[in-house]
Amino acid sequence: MEFIREGDDVILRLDPGEEIHASIQSLAEHGIKCAAITSGIGRVRDIRMGYLDSDGVYQTLDHAGPMELLSTQGNLVPGPDGPFTHLHTIMSDNGHHVHGGHLYHATIHVVGELHLRVMDAESMNREPTDTDFVALKFCGAE
């Protein structure tokens, strides 16, 4: 993984074998604890996607891949157990069939390129709920 920061913008390049969530979360070691993830492209494998059902339980589906990472958005914020990433993604398989949803896991197959906009680490965090969802909370908001 390599990244460059210019002002509040970070461009992150992930290399083969790196996991997307762990890589983004590791930015906290470099003082980047809170960010909006505005875009992500590349090629990934070992993918787990899902959605939160009406009972508040995440349903998942695994894809061995590789798949083309067409779009990724989300955020990095402090969570109950350290840096927390919430990512949604759209990918296409080799037959150009599109898959999308909440991203649990993906390993870089060729490359990953992401843009993050750094935000104030004191402005928000994640807190558990009575479902599988870990809610975004704004600090100081009434």
N, C-alpha and C. Protein backbone atom coordinates (compact mmCIF):
# COMPACT_ATOMS: atom_id res chain seq x y z
N MET A 1 0.84 -1.18 0.00
CA MET A 1 0.00 0.00 0.00
C MET A 1 0.89 1.24 0.00
N GLU A 2 0.50 2.19 -0.82
CA GLU A 2 1.12 3.50 -0.79
C GLU A 2 0.02 4.54 -0.89
N PHE A 3 0.29 5.72 -0.32
CA PHE A 3 -0.69 6.80 -0.44
C PHE A 3 0.03 8.12 -0.46
N ILE A 4 -0.67 9.10 -1.00
CA ILE A 4 -0.19 10.47 -1.00
C ILE A 4 -1.33 11.33 -0.46
N ARG A 5 -0.96 12.31 0.36
CA ARG A 5 -1.96 13.24 0.91
C ARG A 5 -1.61 14.64 0.47
N GLU A 6 -2.60 15.31 -0.10
CA GLU A 6 -2.48 16.72 -0.45
C GLU A 6 -3.66 17.44 0.17
N GLY A 7 -3.40 18.20 1.22
CA GLY A 7 -4.48 18.84 1.95
C GLY A 7 -5.36 17.77 2.59
N ASP A 8 -6.66 17.84 2.31
CA ASP A 8 -7.60 16.86 2.87
C ASP A 8 -7.85 15.68 1.93
N ASP A 9 -7.18 15.65 0.79
CA ASP A 9 -7.36 14.56 -0.17
C ASP A 9 -6.25 13.52 -0.04
N VAL A 10 -6.66 12.24 -0.04
CA VAL A 10 -5.73 11.13 0.01
C VAL A 10 -6.01 10.23 -1.18
N ILE A 11 -4.96 9.90 -1.94
CA ILE A 11 -5.05 8.89 -2.99
C ILE A 11 -4.28 7.68 -2.47
N LEU A 12 -4.97 6.54 -2.45
CA LEU A 12 -4.45 5.31 -1.88
C LEU A 12 -4.33 4.26 -2.97
N ARG A 13 -3.15 3.64 -3.10
CA ARG A 13 -2.98 2.53 -4.04
C ARG A 13 -2.75 1.26 -3.24
N LEU A 14 -3.58 0.26 -3.51
CA LEU A 14 -3.45 -1.04 -2.86
C LEU A 14 -2.89 -2.04 -3.86
N ASP A 15 -2.07 -2.95 -3.36
CA ASP A 15 -1.37 -3.90 -4.20
C ASP A 15 -1.89 -5.32 -4.00
N PRO A 16 -1.55 -6.25 -4.91
CA PRO A 16 -2.05 -7.63 -4.82
C PRO A 16 -1.84 -8.24 -3.43
N GLY A 17 -2.91 -8.89 -2.95
CA GLY A 17 -2.88 -9.56 -1.66
C GLY A 17 -3.34 -8.71 -0.49
N GLU A 18 -3.47 -7.41 -0.67
CA GLU A 18 -3.92 -6.53 0.42
C GLU A 18 -5.44 -6.53 0.50
N GLU A 19 -5.97 -6.52 1.72
CA GLU A 19 -7.41 -6.50 1.93
C GLU A 19 -7.86 -5.04 2.05
N ILE A 20 -8.97 -4.70 1.41
CA ILE A 20 -9.40 -3.31 1.32
C ILE A 20 -9.68 -2.70 2.68
N HIS A 21 -10.53 -3.33 3.50
CA HIS A 21 -10.88 -2.74 4.80
C HIS A 21 -9.64 -2.55 5.68
N ALA A 22 -8.83 -3.60 5.82
CA ALA A 22 -7.64 -3.52 6.68
C ALA A 22 -6.70 -2.43 6.20
N SER A 23 -6.55 -2.29 4.90
CA SER A 23 -5.65 -1.27 4.36
C SER A 23 -6.14 0.13 4.68
N ILE A 24 -7.42 0.39 4.47
CA ILE A 24 -7.98 1.71 4.77
C ILE A 24 -7.88 1.99 6.27
N GLN A 25 -8.22 0.99 7.09
CA GLN A 25 -8.15 1.17 8.54
C GLN A 25 -6.73 1.46 9.02
N SER A 26 -5.74 0.94 8.31
CA SER A 26 -4.35 1.17 8.72
C SER A 26 -3.93 2.63 8.55
N LEU A 27 -4.71 3.42 7.82
CA LEU A 27 -4.40 4.85 7.68
C LEU A 27 -4.45 5.56 9.03
N ALA A 28 -5.18 5.00 10.00
CA ALA A 28 -5.24 5.60 11.34
C ALA A 28 -3.85 5.67 11.96
N GLU A 29 -2.97 4.73 11.60
CA GLU A 29 -1.60 4.75 12.10
C GLU A 29 -0.82 5.95 11.56
N HIS A 30 -1.35 6.56 10.51
CA HIS A 30 -0.72 7.74 9.89
C HIS A 30 -1.51 9.02 10.20
N GLY A 31 -2.39 8.94 11.22
CA GLY A 31 -3.14 10.11 11.65
C GLY A 31 -4.43 10.36 10.89
N ILE A 32 -4.79 9.47 9.97
CA ILE A 32 -6.04 9.62 9.20
C ILE A 32 -7.08 8.71 9.84
N LYS A 33 -7.91 9.27 10.70
CA LYS A 33 -8.85 8.48 11.49
C LYS A 33 -10.29 8.62 11.04
N CYS A 34 -10.56 9.64 10.23
CA CYS A 34 -11.93 9.90 9.80
C CYS A 34 -11.88 10.42 8.36
N ALA A 35 -12.63 9.77 7.46
CA ALA A 35 -12.61 10.19 6.06
C ALA A 35 -13.86 9.70 5.34
N ALA A 36 -14.24 10.45 4.32
CA ALA A 36 -15.26 10.00 3.37
C ALA A 36 -14.51 9.32 2.23
N ILE A 37 -14.92 8.12 1.88
CA ILE A 37 -14.32 7.39 0.77
C ILE A 37 -15.20 7.68 -0.43
N THR A 38 -14.67 8.45 -1.36
CA THR A 38 -15.51 8.96 -2.45
C THR A 38 -15.44 8.13 -3.72
N SER A 39 -14.36 7.36 -3.90
CA SER A 39 -14.28 6.51 -5.09
C SER A 39 -13.27 5.41 -4.87
N GLY A 40 -13.48 4.31 -5.59
CA GLY A 40 -12.54 3.20 -5.56
C GLY A 40 -12.73 2.36 -6.80
N ILE A 41 -11.61 2.02 -7.46
CA ILE A 41 -11.63 1.19 -8.66
C ILE A 41 -10.49 0.17 -8.56
N GLY A 42 -10.53 -0.85 -9.42
CA GLY A 42 -9.46 -1.83 -9.44
C GLY A 42 -9.94 -3.21 -9.81
N ARG A 43 -9.23 -4.23 -9.35
CA ARG A 43 -9.58 -5.63 -9.59
C ARG A 43 -9.33 -6.39 -8.31
N VAL A 44 -10.37 -7.15 -7.85
CA VAL A 44 -10.33 -7.82 -6.56
C VAL A 44 -10.75 -9.28 -6.68
N ARG A 45 -10.48 -10.03 -5.61
CA ARG A 45 -10.89 -11.43 -5.50
C ARG A 45 -11.30 -11.71 -4.06
N ASP A 46 -11.74 -12.94 -3.78
CA ASP A 46 -12.12 -13.35 -2.42
C ASP A 46 -13.07 -12.32 -1.81
N ILE A 47 -14.21 -12.16 -2.46
CA ILE A 47 -15.14 -11.07 -2.16
C ILE A 47 -16.31 -11.59 -1.32
N ARG A 48 -16.67 -10.82 -0.32
CA ARG A 48 -17.90 -11.08 0.43
C ARG A 48 -18.71 -9.79 0.41
N MET A 49 -19.93 -9.89 -0.14
CA MET A 49 -20.87 -8.76 -0.20
C MET A 49 -22.15 -9.15 0.52
N GLY A 50 -22.97 -8.15 0.80
CA GLY A 50 -24.24 -8.46 1.42
C GLY A 50 -25.15 -7.26 1.53
N TYR A 51 -26.18 -7.45 2.36
CA TYR A 51 -27.14 -6.39 2.61
C TYR A 51 -27.75 -6.62 3.98
N LEU A 52 -28.29 -5.55 4.56
CA LEU A 52 -28.98 -5.63 5.84
C LEU A 52 -30.45 -5.90 5.56
N ASP A 53 -30.96 -7.04 6.04
CA ASP A 53 -32.35 -7.38 5.76
C ASP A 53 -33.31 -6.62 6.68
N SER A 54 -34.60 -6.82 6.49
CA SER A 54 -35.62 -6.07 7.23
C SER A 54 -35.62 -6.40 8.73
N ASP A 55 -34.96 -7.49 9.13
CA ASP A 55 -34.85 -7.83 10.54
C ASP A 55 -33.57 -7.31 11.17
N GLY A 56 -32.79 -6.54 10.40
CA GLY A 56 -31.55 -5.99 10.91
C GLY A 56 -30.41 -7.00 10.97
N VAL A 57 -30.50 -8.03 10.12
CA VAL A 57 -29.47 -9.07 10.05
C VAL A 57 -28.81 -9.01 8.68
N TYR A 58 -27.47 -9.00 8.67
CA TYR A 58 -26.76 -8.97 7.39
C TYR A 58 -26.81 -10.33 6.72
N GLN A 59 -27.14 -10.32 5.44
CA GLN A 59 -27.13 -11.51 4.60
C GLN A 59 -25.93 -11.36 3.66
N THR A 60 -25.14 -12.43 3.50
CA THR A 60 -23.91 -12.31 2.71
C THR A 60 -23.86 -13.35 1.60
N LEU A 61 -23.02 -13.04 0.61
CA LEU A 61 -22.76 -13.94 -0.51
C LEU A 61 -21.29 -13.80 -0.86
N ASP A 62 -20.62 -14.94 -1.02
CA ASP A 62 -19.20 -14.94 -1.37
C ASP A 62 -19.02 -15.11 -2.86
N HIS A 63 -18.04 -14.41 -3.40
CA HIS A 63 -17.63 -14.52 -4.80
C HIS A 63 -16.12 -14.76 -4.79
N ALA A 64 -15.68 -15.83 -5.43
CA ALA A 64 -14.24 -16.10 -5.47
C ALA A 64 -13.53 -15.05 -6.32
N GLY A 65 -14.20 -14.60 -7.37
CA GLY A 65 -13.61 -13.58 -8.23
C GLY A 65 -12.67 -14.22 -9.24
N PRO A 66 -11.83 -13.45 -9.86
CA PRO A 66 -11.69 -12.02 -9.67
C PRO A 66 -12.83 -11.24 -10.31
N MET A 67 -13.01 -10.02 -9.83
CA MET A 67 -14.01 -9.10 -10.36
C MET A 67 -13.39 -7.73 -10.54
N GLU A 68 -13.98 -6.98 -11.47
CA GLU A 68 -13.58 -5.60 -11.69
C GLU A 68 -14.30 -4.72 -10.68
N LEU A 69 -13.55 -3.96 -9.91
CA LEU A 69 -14.11 -3.03 -8.93
C LEU A 69 -14.47 -1.75 -9.68
N LEU A 70 -15.77 -1.52 -9.87
CA LEU A 70 -16.25 -0.41 -10.69
C LEU A 70 -16.46 0.87 -9.88
N SER A 71 -16.89 0.71 -8.63
CA SER A 71 -17.20 1.87 -7.81
C SER A 71 -17.22 1.45 -6.34
N THR A 72 -16.68 2.31 -5.49
CA THR A 72 -16.69 2.07 -4.05
C THR A 72 -16.88 3.41 -3.35
N GLN A 73 -17.78 3.44 -2.39
CA GLN A 73 -17.99 4.61 -1.55
C GLN A 73 -18.17 4.16 -0.11
N GLY A 74 -17.95 5.09 0.80
CA GLY A 74 -18.17 4.77 2.21
C GLY A 74 -17.47 5.76 3.11
N ASN A 75 -17.08 5.25 4.29
CA ASN A 75 -16.38 6.12 5.22
C ASN A 75 -15.48 5.33 6.14
N LEU A 76 -14.56 6.04 6.73
CA LEU A 76 -13.66 5.56 7.77
C LEU A 76 -13.91 6.44 8.98
N VAL A 77 -14.29 5.84 10.11
CA VAL A 77 -14.53 6.60 11.33
C VAL A 77 -14.08 5.77 12.53
N PRO A 78 -13.84 6.41 13.67
CA PRO A 78 -13.55 5.63 14.87
C PRO A 78 -14.75 4.77 15.25
N GLY A 79 -14.47 3.53 15.62
CA GLY A 79 -15.53 2.61 16.02
C GLY A 79 -15.29 2.07 17.41
N PRO A 80 -16.19 1.21 17.86
CA PRO A 80 -16.06 0.69 19.22
C PRO A 80 -14.79 -0.12 19.45
N ASP A 81 -14.22 -0.70 18.38
CA ASP A 81 -13.02 -1.52 18.50
C ASP A 81 -11.84 -0.98 17.71
N GLY A 82 -11.87 0.31 17.38
CA GLY A 82 -10.80 0.91 16.59
C GLY A 82 -11.34 1.46 15.28
N PRO A 83 -10.46 1.70 14.30
CA PRO A 83 -10.91 2.25 13.02
C PRO A 83 -11.98 1.35 12.38
N PHE A 84 -13.04 1.97 11.86
CA PHE A 84 -14.19 1.24 11.32
C PHE A 84 -14.46 1.74 9.91
N THR A 85 -14.53 0.82 8.95
CA THR A 85 -14.86 1.18 7.57
C THR A 85 -16.23 0.63 7.21
N HIS A 86 -17.02 1.47 6.57
CA HIS A 86 -18.33 1.08 6.04
C HIS A 86 -18.27 1.35 4.54
N LEU A 87 -18.28 0.28 3.75
CA LEU A 87 -18.11 0.39 2.31
C LEU A 87 -19.26 -0.26 1.56
N HIS A 88 -19.67 0.40 0.48
CA HIS A 88 -20.60 -0.17 -0.49
C HIS A 88 -19.89 -0.16 -1.84
N THR A 89 -20.23 -1.13 -2.68
CA THR A 89 -19.48 -1.29 -3.90
C THR A 89 -20.33 -1.85 -5.04
N ILE A 90 -19.86 -1.61 -6.24
CA ILE A 90 -20.41 -2.23 -7.45
C ILE A 90 -19.23 -2.88 -8.16
N MET A 91 -19.42 -4.15 -8.56
CA MET A 91 -18.38 -4.91 -9.25
C MET A 91 -18.99 -5.65 -10.44
N SER A 92 -18.13 -6.00 -11.39
CA SER A 92 -18.61 -6.84 -12.49
C SER A 92 -17.71 -8.06 -12.62
N ASP A 93 -18.36 -9.21 -12.88
CA ASP A 93 -17.60 -10.44 -13.08
C ASP A 93 -17.10 -10.49 -14.53
N ASN A 94 -16.45 -11.58 -14.89
CA ASN A 94 -15.86 -11.68 -16.22
C ASN A 94 -16.91 -11.75 -17.33
N GLY A 95 -18.16 -12.04 -16.97
CA GLY A 95 -19.26 -12.06 -17.95
C GLY A 95 -19.99 -10.72 -18.01
N HIS A 96 -19.45 -9.71 -17.37
CA HIS A 96 -20.02 -8.36 -17.31
C HIS A 96 -21.35 -8.32 -16.56
N HIS A 97 -21.55 -9.28 -15.64
CA HIS A 97 -22.71 -9.26 -14.76
C HIS A 97 -22.34 -8.43 -13.54
N VAL A 98 -23.21 -7.50 -13.19
CA VAL A 98 -22.92 -6.54 -12.12
C VAL A 98 -23.44 -7.07 -10.79
N HIS A 99 -22.64 -6.91 -9.75
CA HIS A 99 -22.98 -7.29 -8.39
C HIS A 99 -22.70 -6.08 -7.49
N GLY A 100 -23.52 -5.88 -6.49
CA GLY A 100 -23.29 -4.74 -5.62
C GLY A 100 -23.86 -4.95 -4.25
N GLY A 101 -23.44 -4.11 -3.32
CA GLY A 101 -23.96 -4.14 -1.97
C GLY A 101 -22.91 -3.72 -0.96
N HIS A 102 -23.19 -4.06 0.29
CA HIS A 102 -22.29 -3.79 1.40
C HIS A 102 -21.06 -4.68 1.23
N LEU A 103 -19.88 -4.12 1.31
CA LEU A 103 -18.64 -4.89 1.14
C LEU A 103 -18.08 -5.29 2.49
N TYR A 104 -17.99 -6.60 2.70
CA TYR A 104 -17.40 -7.14 3.92
C TYR A 104 -15.92 -7.42 3.77
N HIS A 105 -15.55 -7.90 2.60
CA HIS A 105 -14.17 -8.33 2.40
C HIS A 105 -13.86 -8.35 0.92
N ALA A 106 -12.68 -7.93 0.56
CA ALA A 106 -12.16 -8.08 -0.80
C ALA A 106 -10.65 -7.95 -0.75
N THR A 107 -9.99 -8.86 -1.43
CA THR A 107 -8.53 -8.86 -1.53
C THR A 107 -8.16 -8.31 -2.90
N ILE A 108 -7.18 -7.45 -2.94
CA ILE A 108 -6.73 -6.89 -4.22
C ILE A 108 -6.12 -8.00 -5.07
N HIS A 109 -6.58 -8.08 -6.32
CA HIS A 109 -6.07 -9.07 -7.26
C HIS A 109 -4.99 -8.46 -8.15
N VAL A 110 -5.23 -7.27 -8.68
CA VAL A 110 -4.27 -6.57 -9.54
C VAL A 110 -3.87 -5.24 -8.90
N VAL A 111 -4.87 -4.38 -8.67
CA VAL A 111 -4.62 -3.07 -8.07
C VAL A 111 -5.93 -2.53 -7.50
N GLY A 112 -5.82 -1.66 -6.52
CA GLY A 112 -6.95 -0.89 -6.02
C GLY A 112 -6.51 0.55 -5.92
N GLU A 113 -7.36 1.46 -6.39
CA GLU A 113 -7.06 2.89 -6.31
C GLU A 113 -8.28 3.58 -5.70
N LEU A 114 -8.05 4.26 -4.58
CA LEU A 114 -9.15 4.88 -3.85
C LEU A 114 -8.84 6.34 -3.56
N HIS A 115 -9.90 7.14 -3.49
CA HIS A 115 -9.80 8.54 -3.07
C HIS A 115 -10.56 8.68 -1.76
N LEU A 116 -9.93 9.34 -0.80
CA LEU A 116 -10.55 9.64 0.49
C LEU A 116 -10.44 11.13 0.74
N ARG A 117 -11.47 11.68 1.36
CA ARG A 117 -11.45 13.07 1.81
C ARG A 117 -11.39 13.03 3.33
N VAL A 118 -10.29 13.51 3.89
CA VAL A 118 -10.07 13.48 5.33
C VAL A 118 -11.01 14.46 6.01
N MET A 119 -11.56 14.02 7.15
CA MET A 119 -12.48 14.84 7.93
C MET A 119 -11.99 14.92 9.37
N ASP A 120 -12.60 15.78 10.15
CA ASP A 120 -12.26 15.95 11.57
C ASP A 120 -12.59 14.66 12.32
N ALA A 121 -11.58 14.07 12.95
CA ALA A 121 -11.75 12.80 13.66
C ALA A 121 -12.67 12.92 14.86
N GLU A 122 -12.92 14.13 15.32
CA GLU A 122 -13.79 14.32 16.48
C GLU A 122 -15.26 14.50 16.09
N SER A 123 -15.56 14.52 14.79
CA SER A 123 -16.91 14.86 14.34
C SER A 123 -17.90 13.70 14.32
N MET A 124 -17.40 12.46 14.26
CA MET A 124 -18.31 11.32 14.19
C MET A 124 -17.61 10.05 14.63
N ASN A 125 -18.44 9.04 14.94
CA ASN A 125 -17.94 7.71 15.28
C ASN A 125 -19.03 6.68 14.98
N ARG A 126 -18.75 5.43 15.27
CA ARG A 126 -19.69 4.33 15.08
C ARG A 126 -20.02 3.72 16.43
N GLU A 127 -21.32 3.40 16.61
CA GLU A 127 -21.78 2.78 17.85
C GLU A 127 -22.69 1.61 17.54
N PRO A 128 -22.58 0.52 18.31
CA PRO A 128 -23.44 -0.64 18.10
C PRO A 128 -24.92 -0.30 18.28
N THR A 129 -25.79 -1.04 17.61
CA THR A 129 -27.24 -0.94 17.78
C THR A 129 -27.76 -2.29 18.23
N ASP A 130 -29.08 -2.45 18.32
CA ASP A 130 -29.64 -3.74 18.70
C ASP A 130 -29.82 -4.67 17.49
N THR A 131 -29.23 -4.28 16.34
CA THR A 131 -29.19 -5.13 15.15
C THR A 131 -27.71 -5.36 14.79
N ASP A 132 -27.46 -5.96 13.63
CA ASP A 132 -26.09 -6.15 13.16
C ASP A 132 -25.44 -4.83 12.73
N PHE A 133 -26.25 -3.80 12.52
CA PHE A 133 -25.76 -2.53 12.02
C PHE A 133 -25.03 -1.76 13.12
N VAL A 134 -23.89 -1.16 12.78
CA VAL A 134 -23.15 -0.29 13.69
C VAL A 134 -23.37 1.13 13.17
N ALA A 135 -24.13 1.92 13.93
CA ALA A 135 -24.64 3.20 13.47
C ALA A 135 -23.60 4.32 13.49
N LEU A 136 -23.73 5.20 12.50
CA LEU A 136 -22.92 6.41 12.43
C LEU A 136 -23.53 7.44 13.38
N LYS A 137 -22.71 7.97 14.27
CA LYS A 137 -23.15 8.98 15.24
C LYS A 137 -22.33 10.24 15.05
N PHE A 138 -23.01 11.38 15.10
CA PHE A 138 -22.33 12.67 14.99
C PHE A 138 -22.07 13.19 16.39
N CYS A 139 -20.84 13.47 16.70
CA CYS A 139 -20.45 13.92 18.02
C CYS A 139 -20.89 15.37 18.24
N GLY A 140 -21.55 15.61 19.35
CA GLY A 140 -22.00 16.95 19.68
C GLY A 140 -23.34 17.31 19.04
N ALA A 141 -23.88 16.42 18.19
CA ALA A 141 -25.19 16.70 17.56
C ALA A 141 -26.29 16.35 18.54
N GLU A 142 -27.31 17.18 18.57
CA GLU A 142 -28.46 16.94 19.46
C GLU A 142 -29.53 16.21 18.72
